[in-house]
Amino acid sequence: MTESISHLKYIIFFMTLFIGVPSGYFLSLKYPKIERIIFFLMMFFTVRMEDINFVSRETYRLSSRGFEIGMVDIVTLIIFFLILKRKRQYNLHTPPGAWIYFLYFGISAISIFNAAVPLFSFFELWKMLRMYLYFYVVYNYVNSFEQFKDFMLGIALVTIYIFFEVMKQKYLEGRFQSYGPFPHQNSLVMYSIILGALLFAYLLNKKDVSALKLSFWVMMFAMVSVNIIATLSRAGLVLYAMSVIAVLQLSFFSGVTSKKVIVTIILILVSMLMLARAWNSINERFRTAPEESANVRRELAEAAIKMANDKFWGVGLNNFGIKINPPWQYSAHIEMHNPDDEDEQNGLVETIYLMIAAETGWVNLGVFLIFIFYYYFLNLRNYNRYRGTDYQYFSIGLAGGLLAIYLESTLEWVLKQTNNFYQLMLVFAMIAVMKKLELRYRNQNVPIPKNVSTKERIASERELHHA
């Protein structure tokens, strides 16, 4: 029975690939609304992962457990064919900073020579290639500020979906820590921090929002906050608060308005009510957190440092979960719960930075840090260039959100998980898009739209494109 279900999954997948992709492509050419739905699905399927694994190794503790391919890749292919169709209208370009990613990929590939199981390294390389295609497609697809409206609507719909999944787990299934549609509550926290920071920045800085629409976006921000609180992640709660404070500061640096003051006061009151409602659970989580967890984190970090110091190119991409166990001696200092149990396995180091150093070397960790901070500083550049415009909210939100998840990554390796890796590449692509659009306007000596109607904005962008 199980084998039949497995075969059915492959049949459905290949039918979707060879029928769904061409159908989606031609429908998108004919119906703009279909195209917008497919763009939304590029976001949605980073939350609701629907995929299959070729050569799966689900029983191993790895950051990638097979040659995955999923619905997010299918809808990305549809948009990829659309940008190829329109390459005369909008030239295709390599996104800024892509060379750093290629360098990171190349050094990761070199580490395979030290891998105990090279196949596992190829699992991760395959995932990195999928991420780059996604990144490239988003960067070349988004060519107008009007598409930012679709992006924010997508964030709202994704937020609603996650909220209902969390509420189902919390109140119908009785889970103490909810994880929504994600593999772990830490994945949900990291994904939601970006959503919450963008929504909060939108609330404070978007100028053309009616009272009714403002209420809707306040509700979206409240839903994200509830999702994060429901995870009862101690670090997540602290870093989410930090991201909100960063957004608040940057928003007021851009100018103080009565709207910002009123929205801030309302959200502070709402936040206090939500915290009061959840205080007992939060207090219990902080009070009963096992000390053993901190000890395990520290011991795994020591093992990761041993690996990075032992091999210049690391012990092999996606091989930490193998070499943390005997016969390798990197974990000799870690006491096993049952020394007589030959099947007992150590876990993965709880920080993406030391995992990268252990698997691919200190040099590649440096490349990875350059990669992620390149886009952070590019985003700060966008903040300066977009100050006072209708789109400053985007750079403000990402400044707060990315800061929080970079700090959280000192405690988690979540950014290597497929959901969160896709989201990271999505926001990096949008940061690069903001630079692209700003340069386009500046080269034509046309100011970036400040507070104009949708019709005026579309007319301005068409005029700019044909100039």
Protein backbone atom coordinates (compact mmCIF):
# COMPACT_ATOMS: atom_id res chain seq x y z
CA MET A 1 0.00 0.00 0.00
CA THR A 2 2.80 2.41 0.97
CA GLU A 3 4.69 1.59 -2.23
CA SER A 4 1.57 2.37 -4.30
CA ILE A 5 1.20 5.76 -2.61
CA SER A 6 4.87 6.48 -3.31
CA HIS A 7 4.44 5.62 -6.99
CA LEU A 8 1.34 7.82 -7.13
CA LYS A 9 3.34 10.78 -5.83
CA TYR A 10 5.84 10.41 -8.67
CA ILE A 11 3.05 10.11 -11.24
CA ILE A 12 1.37 13.27 -9.92
CA PHE A 13 4.70 15.11 -9.87
CA PHE A 14 5.61 14.32 -13.48
CA MET A 15 2.07 15.12 -14.64
CA THR A 16 2.37 18.49 -12.89
CA LEU A 17 5.79 19.09 -14.45
CA PHE A 18 4.93 18.20 -18.04
CA ILE A 19 1.30 19.38 -18.06
CA GLY A 20 1.05 21.95 -15.28
CA VAL A 21 4.09 24.03 -16.29
CA PRO A 22 3.07 24.55 -19.97
CA SER A 23 -0.56 25.14 -18.91
CA GLY A 24 0.46 27.67 -16.28
CA TYR A 25 2.76 29.42 -18.75
CA PHE A 26 0.15 29.85 -21.50
CA LEU A 27 -2.60 30.80 -19.06
CA SER A 28 -0.31 33.44 -17.54
CA LEU A 29 0.34 34.92 -20.97
CA LYS A 30 -3.40 35.18 -21.58
CA TYR A 31 -4.66 36.10 -18.12
CA PRO A 32 -2.62 38.54 -15.95
CA LYS A 33 -4.54 37.41 -12.85
CA ILE A 34 -3.27 33.86 -13.33
CA GLU A 35 0.26 35.22 -13.52
CA ARG A 36 -0.22 37.09 -10.25
CA ILE A 37 -1.55 33.92 -8.59
CA ILE A 38 1.48 31.97 -9.75
CA PHE A 39 3.79 34.66 -8.35
CA PHE A 40 1.92 34.36 -5.05
CA LEU A 41 2.36 30.58 -5.14
CA MET A 42 6.12 31.14 -5.37
CA MET A 43 5.77 32.60 -1.87
CA PHE A 44 3.09 30.22 -0.56
CA PHE A 45 4.98 27.03 -1.39
CA THR A 46 7.97 28.23 0.64
CA VAL A 47 5.59 27.86 3.61
CA ARG A 48 3.52 24.85 2.59
CA MET A 49 6.23 22.59 1.22
CA GLU A 50 4.83 20.06 -1.25
CA ASP A 51 7.73 18.10 -2.64
CA ILE A 52 9.18 14.69 -3.36
CA ASN A 53 12.61 13.31 -2.62
CA PHE A 54 14.69 11.39 -5.10
CA VAL A 55 17.25 9.10 -3.41
CA SER A 56 15.79 9.99 -0.01
CA ARG A 57 17.71 9.50 3.27
CA GLU A 58 15.04 10.58 5.77
CA THR A 59 16.46 8.61 8.71
CA TYR A 60 19.76 10.54 8.80
CA ARG A 61 20.38 13.78 10.69
CA LEU A 62 21.23 16.04 7.77
CA SER A 63 20.40 19.56 6.61
CA SER A 64 19.34 18.03 3.23
CA ARG A 65 18.02 14.49 3.04
CA GLY A 66 17.62 13.91 -0.66
CA PHE A 67 17.33 15.42 -4.11
CA GLU A 68 14.19 17.40 -3.32
CA ILE A 69 12.01 19.06 -5.90
CA GLY A 70 8.67 20.59 -5.08
CA MET A 71 5.78 22.78 -6.10
CA VAL A 72 7.79 25.91 -5.40
CA ASP A 73 10.20 24.79 -8.14
CA ILE A 74 7.31 24.04 -10.51
CA VAL A 75 5.79 27.52 -10.20
CA THR A 76 9.27 29.06 -10.39
CA LEU A 77 9.74 27.31 -13.74
CA ILE A 78 6.52 28.90 -15.03
CA ILE A 79 7.74 32.39 -14.10
CA PHE A 80 11.18 31.54 -15.54
CA PHE A 81 9.64 30.85 -18.95
CA LEU A 82 7.70 34.11 -18.67
CA ILE A 83 10.85 36.16 -18.12
CA LEU A 84 12.50 34.39 -21.06
CA LYS A 85 9.48 35.33 -23.19
CA ARG A 86 9.82 38.98 -22.15
CA LYS A 87 13.60 39.31 -22.34
CA ARG A 88 13.33 41.85 -25.19
CA GLN A 89 11.10 44.01 -23.02
CA TYR A 90 13.12 43.50 -19.85
CA ASN A 91 16.70 42.38 -20.35
CA LEU A 92 17.78 39.49 -18.16
CA HIS A 93 20.61 40.27 -15.73
CA THR A 94 22.62 38.40 -13.14
CA PRO A 95 21.54 39.76 -9.74
CA PRO A 96 24.05 41.92 -7.87
CA GLY A 97 26.08 39.90 -5.39
CA ALA A 98 25.50 36.63 -7.24
CA TRP A 99 29.25 36.12 -7.64
CA ILE A 100 29.57 35.83 -3.85
CA TYR A 101 26.94 33.08 -3.87
CA PHE A 102 28.82 31.28 -6.67
CA LEU A 103 32.02 31.49 -4.61
CA TYR A 104 30.18 30.09 -1.58
CA PHE A 105 28.79 27.31 -3.77
CA GLY A 106 32.22 26.54 -5.27
CA ILE A 107 34.02 26.23 -1.94
CA SER A 108 31.15 24.12 -0.62
CA ALA A 109 31.66 21.80 -3.60
CA ILE A 110 35.40 21.51 -2.90
CA SER A 111 34.61 20.19 0.59
CA ILE A 112 33.14 17.04 -0.99
CA PHE A 113 36.69 15.65 -1.21
CA ASN A 114 36.64 15.35 2.61
CA ALA A 115 33.10 13.95 2.82
CA ALA A 116 32.49 10.50 4.27
CA VAL A 117 29.33 10.24 2.14
CA PRO A 118 29.69 12.45 -0.98
CA LEU A 119 26.07 11.72 -1.94
CA PHE A 120 24.89 13.76 1.06
CA SER A 121 26.97 16.72 -0.14
CA PHE A 122 25.31 16.54 -3.54
CA PHE A 123 21.92 16.73 -1.76
CA GLU A 124 22.91 20.14 -0.40
CA LEU A 125 24.48 21.36 -3.65
CA TRP A 126 21.25 20.50 -5.47
CA LYS A 127 19.30 22.57 -2.96
CA MET A 128 21.70 25.50 -3.41
CA LEU A 129 21.17 25.38 -7.19
CA ARG A 130 17.38 25.45 -6.70
CA MET A 131 17.79 28.47 -4.43
CA TYR A 132 19.81 30.35 -7.02
CA LEU A 133 17.23 29.70 -9.75
CA TYR A 134 14.51 31.03 -7.44
CA PHE A 135 16.63 34.09 -6.60
CA TYR A 136 17.41 34.76 -10.28
CA VAL A 137 13.78 34.42 -11.36
CA VAL A 138 12.39 36.76 -8.69
CA TYR A 139 15.05 39.39 -9.45
CA ASN A 140 14.33 39.38 -13.18
CA TYR A 141 10.55 39.05 -12.83
CA VAL A 142 9.85 42.02 -10.53
CA ASN A 143 10.23 45.09 -12.73
CA SER A 144 7.80 47.65 -11.30
CA PHE A 145 6.75 49.10 -7.99
CA GLU A 146 3.21 47.93 -8.70
CA GLN A 147 4.40 44.36 -8.07
CA PHE A 148 5.32 45.32 -4.50
CA LYS A 149 1.58 45.57 -3.87
CA ASP A 150 1.20 41.94 -4.95
CA PHE A 151 4.15 41.02 -2.74
CA MET A 152 2.55 42.55 0.37
CA LEU A 153 -0.80 40.93 -0.44
CA GLY A 154 1.05 37.62 -0.66
CA ILE A 155 2.56 38.25 2.77
CA ALA A 156 -0.94 38.85 4.16
CA LEU A 157 -2.34 35.63 2.67
CA VAL A 158 0.63 33.60 3.88
CA THR A 159 0.21 35.12 7.36
CA ILE A 160 -3.47 34.13 7.49
CA TYR A 161 -2.65 30.57 6.41
CA ILE A 162 0.10 30.17 9.04
CA PHE A 163 -2.18 31.67 11.72
CA PHE A 164 -4.93 29.10 11.14
CA GLU A 165 -2.40 26.25 11.17
CA VAL A 166 -0.99 27.52 14.48
CA MET A 167 -4.44 27.95 16.03
CA LYS A 168 -5.40 24.42 14.98
CA GLN A 169 -2.31 23.00 16.65
CA LYS A 170 -2.70 25.16 19.76
CA TYR A 171 -6.38 24.71 20.54
CA LEU A 172 -7.51 21.59 18.66
CA GLU A 173 -4.40 19.45 19.02
CA GLY A 174 -3.29 20.94 22.35
CA ARG A 175 0.36 21.46 21.44
CA PHE A 176 2.43 23.37 24.00
CA GLN A 177 4.74 24.78 21.30
CA SER A 178 3.19 25.29 17.87
CA TYR A 179 5.19 25.01 14.68
CA GLY A 180 2.45 25.62 12.09
CA PRO A 181 3.21 24.23 8.61
CA PHE A 182 6.97 24.25 9.31
CA PRO A 183 9.21 21.34 10.39
CA HIS A 184 10.01 22.98 13.76
CA GLN A 185 8.89 25.93 15.89
CA ASN A 186 12.25 27.65 15.33
CA SER A 187 11.62 27.55 11.58
CA LEU A 188 8.26 29.24 12.14
CA VAL A 189 9.83 31.93 14.33
CA MET A 190 12.56 32.80 11.85
CA TYR A 191 10.15 32.91 8.91
CA SER A 192 7.63 34.99 10.86
CA ILE A 193 10.15 37.56 12.09
CA ILE A 194 10.65 38.74 8.51
CA LEU A 195 6.88 38.86 7.94
CA GLY A 196 6.26 40.77 11.16
CA ALA A 197 9.02 43.31 10.53
CA LEU A 198 7.73 44.04 7.01
CA LEU A 199 4.12 44.36 8.20
CA PHE A 200 5.08 46.67 11.06
CA ALA A 201 7.16 48.86 8.74
CA TYR A 202 4.27 48.96 6.26
CA LEU A 203 1.86 50.06 8.99
CA LEU A 204 4.12 52.88 10.12
CA ASN A 205 5.39 54.17 6.79
CA LYS A 206 2.86 53.50 4.00
CA LYS A 207 1.12 56.78 3.25
CA ASP A 208 -1.88 55.91 1.08
CA VAL A 209 -3.67 53.52 3.47
CA SER A 210 -7.33 54.11 4.39
CA ALA A 211 -8.61 53.49 7.92
CA LEU A 212 -10.25 50.22 6.81
CA LYS A 213 -7.08 48.96 5.15
CA LEU A 214 -5.03 50.08 8.12
CA SER A 215 -7.20 47.91 10.37
CA PHE A 216 -6.60 44.96 8.07
CA TRP A 217 -2.81 45.37 8.24
CA VAL A 218 -2.94 45.80 12.03
CA MET A 219 -4.74 42.46 12.16
CA MET A 220 -2.06 40.86 9.96
CA PHE A 221 0.68 42.13 12.27
CA ALA A 222 -1.26 40.83 15.29
CA MET A 223 -1.56 37.39 13.63
CA VAL A 224 2.20 37.21 13.03
CA SER A 225 2.82 38.21 16.64
CA VAL A 226 0.44 35.51 17.89
CA ASN A 227 2.21 32.94 15.69
CA ILE A 228 5.57 33.82 17.24
CA ILE A 229 4.23 33.83 20.79
CA ALA A 230 2.62 30.42 20.20
CA THR A 231 6.03 28.87 19.48
CA LEU A 232 7.21 29.83 23.00
CA SER A 233 10.71 30.18 21.58
CA ARG A 234 12.69 32.18 24.13
CA ALA A 235 15.27 33.53 21.68
CA GLY A 236 12.58 34.06 19.07
CA LEU A 237 10.47 36.26 21.35
CA VAL A 238 13.45 38.40 22.34
CA LEU A 239 14.72 38.80 18.77
CA TYR A 240 11.25 39.55 17.41
CA ALA A 241 10.97 42.35 19.95
CA MET A 242 14.41 43.56 18.83
CA SER A 243 13.33 43.60 15.17
CA VAL A 244 10.19 45.60 16.05
CA ILE A 245 12.28 48.14 18.00
CA ALA A 246 14.71 48.47 15.07
CA VAL A 247 11.80 49.07 12.66
CA LEU A 248 10.35 51.63 15.05
CA GLN A 249 13.63 53.53 15.33
CA LEU A 250 14.30 53.62 11.57
CA SER A 251 10.69 54.70 10.93
CA PHE A 252 10.98 57.65 13.29
CA PHE A 253 14.39 58.55 11.85
CA SER A 254 12.55 58.98 8.55
CA GLY A 255 10.19 61.51 10.11
CA VAL A 256 7.72 61.70 12.99
CA THR A 257 4.03 61.79 12.06
CA SER A 258 0.84 61.58 14.09
CA LYS A 259 -0.02 58.32 12.30
CA LYS A 260 3.24 56.70 13.43
CA VAL A 261 2.66 57.79 17.01
CA ILE A 262 -0.96 56.55 17.06
CA VAL A 263 -0.12 53.21 15.41
CA THR A 264 2.78 52.70 17.84
CA ILE A 265 0.60 53.35 20.87
CA ILE A 266 -2.14 51.02 19.58
CA LEU A 267 0.32 48.22 18.87
CA ILE A 268 2.01 48.59 22.26
CA LEU A 269 -1.38 48.22 23.97
CA VAL A 270 -2.34 45.24 21.79
CA SER A 271 1.05 43.62 22.43
CA MET A 272 0.66 44.02 26.18
CA LEU A 273 -2.76 42.35 26.01
CA MET A 274 -1.40 39.43 23.96
CA LEU A 275 1.56 38.98 26.30
CA ALA A 276 -0.75 39.07 29.32
CA ARG A 277 -2.92 36.38 27.71
CA ALA A 278 0.08 34.15 27.02
CA TRP A 279 2.15 35.05 30.09
CA ASN A 280 1.61 31.80 31.98
CA SER A 281 2.86 29.70 29.06
CA ILE A 282 5.80 32.03 28.39
CA ASN A 283 6.76 32.06 32.06
CA GLU A 284 6.60 28.27 32.24
CA ARG A 285 8.75 27.94 29.13
CA PHE A 286 11.47 30.22 30.56
CA ARG A 287 11.26 28.63 34.03
CA THR A 288 11.33 24.97 32.98
CA ALA A 289 13.81 25.13 30.09
CA PRO A 290 16.28 22.25 30.72
CA GLU A 291 19.89 23.16 31.53
CA GLU A 292 20.94 20.09 29.56
CA SER A 293 19.89 21.82 26.34
CA ALA A 294 22.48 24.58 26.83
CA ASN A 295 25.17 22.00 27.63
CA VAL A 296 24.43 20.03 24.46
CA ARG A 297 24.62 23.24 22.37
CA ARG A 298 28.01 24.06 23.85
CA GLU A 299 29.40 20.55 23.36
CA LEU A 300 28.25 20.40 19.74
CA ALA A 301 29.80 23.83 19.13
CA GLU A 302 33.12 22.53 20.50
CA ALA A 303 32.91 19.55 18.15
CA ALA A 304 32.21 21.87 15.20
CA ILE A 305 35.29 23.96 16.02
CA LYS A 306 37.38 20.78 16.13
CA MET A 307 36.14 19.84 12.65
CA ALA A 308 36.84 23.30 11.21
CA ASN A 309 40.35 23.34 12.70
CA ASP A 310 41.12 19.79 11.56
CA LYS A 311 40.26 20.20 7.86
CA PHE A 312 40.96 23.41 5.89
CA TRP A 313 38.01 22.72 3.56
CA GLY A 314 35.88 21.24 6.35
CA VAL A 315 34.73 17.68 6.90
CA GLY A 316 32.35 17.72 3.92
CA LEU A 317 29.19 19.59 3.04
CA ASN A 318 26.14 18.06 4.74
CA ASN A 319 28.36 15.55 6.54
CA PHE A 320 28.31 17.01 10.07
CA GLY A 321 25.60 14.53 11.09
CA ILE A 322 27.89 11.67 10.03
CA LYS A 323 31.23 12.80 11.46
CA ILE A 324 29.82 13.89 14.81
CA ASN A 325 29.52 10.16 15.59
CA PRO A 326 32.08 7.34 15.93
CA PRO A 327 34.44 6.22 14.49
CA TRP A 328 35.36 9.91 14.16
CA GLN A 329 36.62 11.43 17.42
CA TYR A 330 35.22 14.97 17.13
CA SER A 331 32.53 14.13 19.72
CA ALA A 332 34.78 12.27 22.17
CA HIS A 333 34.07 14.92 24.83
CA ILE A 334 30.28 14.43 24.58
CA GLU A 335 28.84 12.01 27.11
CA MET A 336 26.33 9.61 25.57
CA HIS A 337 23.06 8.87 27.38
CA ASN A 338 23.52 5.13 26.87
CA PRO A 339 27.11 4.17 25.95
CA ASP A 340 26.01 0.61 25.21
CA ASP A 341 23.50 1.72 22.57
CA GLU A 342 25.30 1.54 19.22
CA ASP A 343 22.40 3.28 17.47
CA GLU A 344 22.55 6.44 19.63
CA GLN A 345 23.43 9.45 17.50
CA ASN A 346 24.59 12.99 18.26
CA GLY A 347 22.66 15.87 16.74
CA LEU A 348 23.59 18.82 14.53
CA VAL A 349 25.37 21.90 15.87
CA GLU A 350 22.82 24.58 16.76
CA THR A 351 24.28 27.47 14.79
CA ILE A 352 24.49 27.83 11.05
CA TYR A 353 27.80 29.69 11.28
CA LEU A 354 29.71 26.87 13.00
CA MET A 355 27.96 24.28 10.84
CA ILE A 356 29.28 26.00 7.71
CA ALA A 357 32.77 26.28 9.22
CA ALA A 358 32.76 22.61 10.28
CA GLU A 359 31.50 21.28 6.95
CA THR A 360 33.25 23.61 4.47
CA GLY A 361 35.96 25.47 6.40
CA TRP A 362 36.57 28.83 8.06
CA VAL A 363 37.22 30.50 4.68
CA ASN A 364 33.77 29.55 3.44
CA LEU A 365 32.21 30.83 6.65
CA GLY A 366 33.83 34.16 5.83
CA VAL A 367 32.37 34.02 2.30
CA PHE A 368 28.91 33.23 3.70
CA LEU A 369 29.11 36.19 6.10
CA ILE A 370 30.14 38.47 3.22
CA PHE A 371 27.20 37.13 1.22
CA ILE A 372 24.49 37.77 3.82
CA PHE A 373 25.89 41.12 4.97
CA TYR A 374 26.32 42.29 1.38
CA TYR A 375 22.53 42.31 1.07
CA TYR A 376 22.10 43.81 4.52
CA PHE A 377 24.26 46.81 3.61
CA LEU A 378 22.66 46.97 0.16
CA ASN A 379 19.35 47.21 1.98
CA LEU A 380 20.69 50.07 4.14
CA ARG A 381 21.73 51.80 0.91
CA ASN A 382 18.17 51.38 -0.31
CA TYR A 383 16.92 52.87 2.95
CA ASN A 384 18.89 56.04 2.28
CA ARG A 385 17.86 56.22 -1.38
CA TYR A 386 14.15 55.57 -0.70
CA ARG A 387 13.77 57.83 2.33
CA GLY A 388 10.62 59.91 2.00
CA THR A 389 9.19 57.77 -0.81
CA ASP A 390 6.22 55.42 -0.82
CA TYR A 391 8.51 52.39 -0.59
CA GLN A 392 10.83 53.17 2.30
CA TYR A 393 8.83 50.72 4.43
CA PHE A 394 10.37 47.79 2.56
CA SER A 395 14.00 48.57 3.40
CA ILE A 396 13.04 49.53 6.97
CA GLY A 397 11.23 46.23 7.53
CA LEU A 398 14.07 44.14 6.13
CA ALA A 399 16.67 46.07 8.15
CA GLY A 400 14.92 45.01 11.36
CA GLY A 401 13.94 41.51 10.22
CA LEU A 402 17.30 40.46 8.78
CA LEU A 403 19.19 41.77 11.82
CA ALA A 404 17.05 39.54 14.05
CA ILE A 405 17.45 36.36 11.99
CA TYR A 406 21.20 36.89 11.57
CA LEU A 407 21.46 37.04 15.36
CA GLU A 408 19.10 34.08 15.79
CA SER A 409 21.32 32.09 13.44
CA THR A 410 24.02 32.10 16.13
CA LEU A 411 21.64 29.74 17.98
CA GLU A 412 19.99 27.88 15.09
CA TRP A 413 20.92 26.29 11.76
CA VAL A 414 17.38 27.01 10.47
CA LEU A 415 18.55 29.09 7.50
CA LYS A 416 19.70 25.84 5.89
CA GLN A 417 16.16 24.43 6.06
CA THR A 418 14.38 24.61 2.74
CA ASN A 419 11.51 26.90 3.83
CA ASN A 420 13.75 29.50 5.43
CA PHE A 421 16.46 29.30 2.76
CA TYR A 422 13.85 30.12 0.10
CA GLN A 423 12.56 33.07 2.14
CA LEU A 424 16.09 34.39 2.58
CA MET A 425 16.73 34.27 -1.18
CA LEU A 426 13.34 35.88 -1.80
CA VAL A 427 14.11 38.92 0.35
CA PHE A 428 17.66 39.15 -1.07
CA ALA A 429 16.14 39.21 -4.56
CA MET A 430 13.71 41.96 -3.55
CA ILE A 431 16.55 44.02 -2.04
CA ALA A 432 18.37 43.72 -5.37
CA VAL A 433 15.15 44.67 -7.20
CA MET A 434 14.91 47.87 -5.15
CA LYS A 435 18.40 48.81 -6.25
CA LYS A 436 17.53 47.98 -9.88
CA LEU A 437 14.41 50.15 -9.87
CA GLU A 438 16.12 53.02 -8.09
CA LEU A 439 18.93 53.05 -10.68
CA ARG A 440 16.38 52.92 -13.50
CA TYR A 441 14.57 55.99 -12.18
CA ARG A 442 17.82 57.84 -11.43
CA ASN A 443 19.26 57.20 -14.90
CA GLN A 444 16.12 58.73 -16.44
CA ASN A 445 16.17 61.66 -13.97
CA VAL A 446 12.70 60.65 -12.74
CA PRO A 447 11.93 60.76 -8.99
CA ILE A 448 10.82 57.56 -7.25
CA PRO A 449 7.03 57.72 -6.57
CA LYS A 450 6.28 59.26 -3.17
CA ASN A 451 2.55 59.14 -2.61
CA VAL A 452 0.62 58.64 -5.83
CA SER A 453 -2.41 56.66 -6.94
CA THR A 454 -2.05 53.25 -8.58
CA LYS A 455 -3.06 54.61 -12.01
CA GLU A 456 -0.52 57.42 -11.79
CA ARG A 457 2.15 54.97 -10.68
CA ILE A 458 1.50 52.57 -13.57
CA ALA A 459 1.48 55.46 -16.08
CA SER A 460 4.77 56.74 -14.67
CA GLU A 461 6.41 53.32 -14.92
CA ARG A 462 5.22 52.80 -18.50
CA GLU A 463 6.55 56.22 -19.47
CA LEU A 464 9.85 55.45 -17.78
CA HIS A 465 10.17 52.09 -19.55
CA HIS A 466 9.52 53.57 -22.99
CA ALA A 467 11.84 56.52 -22.42
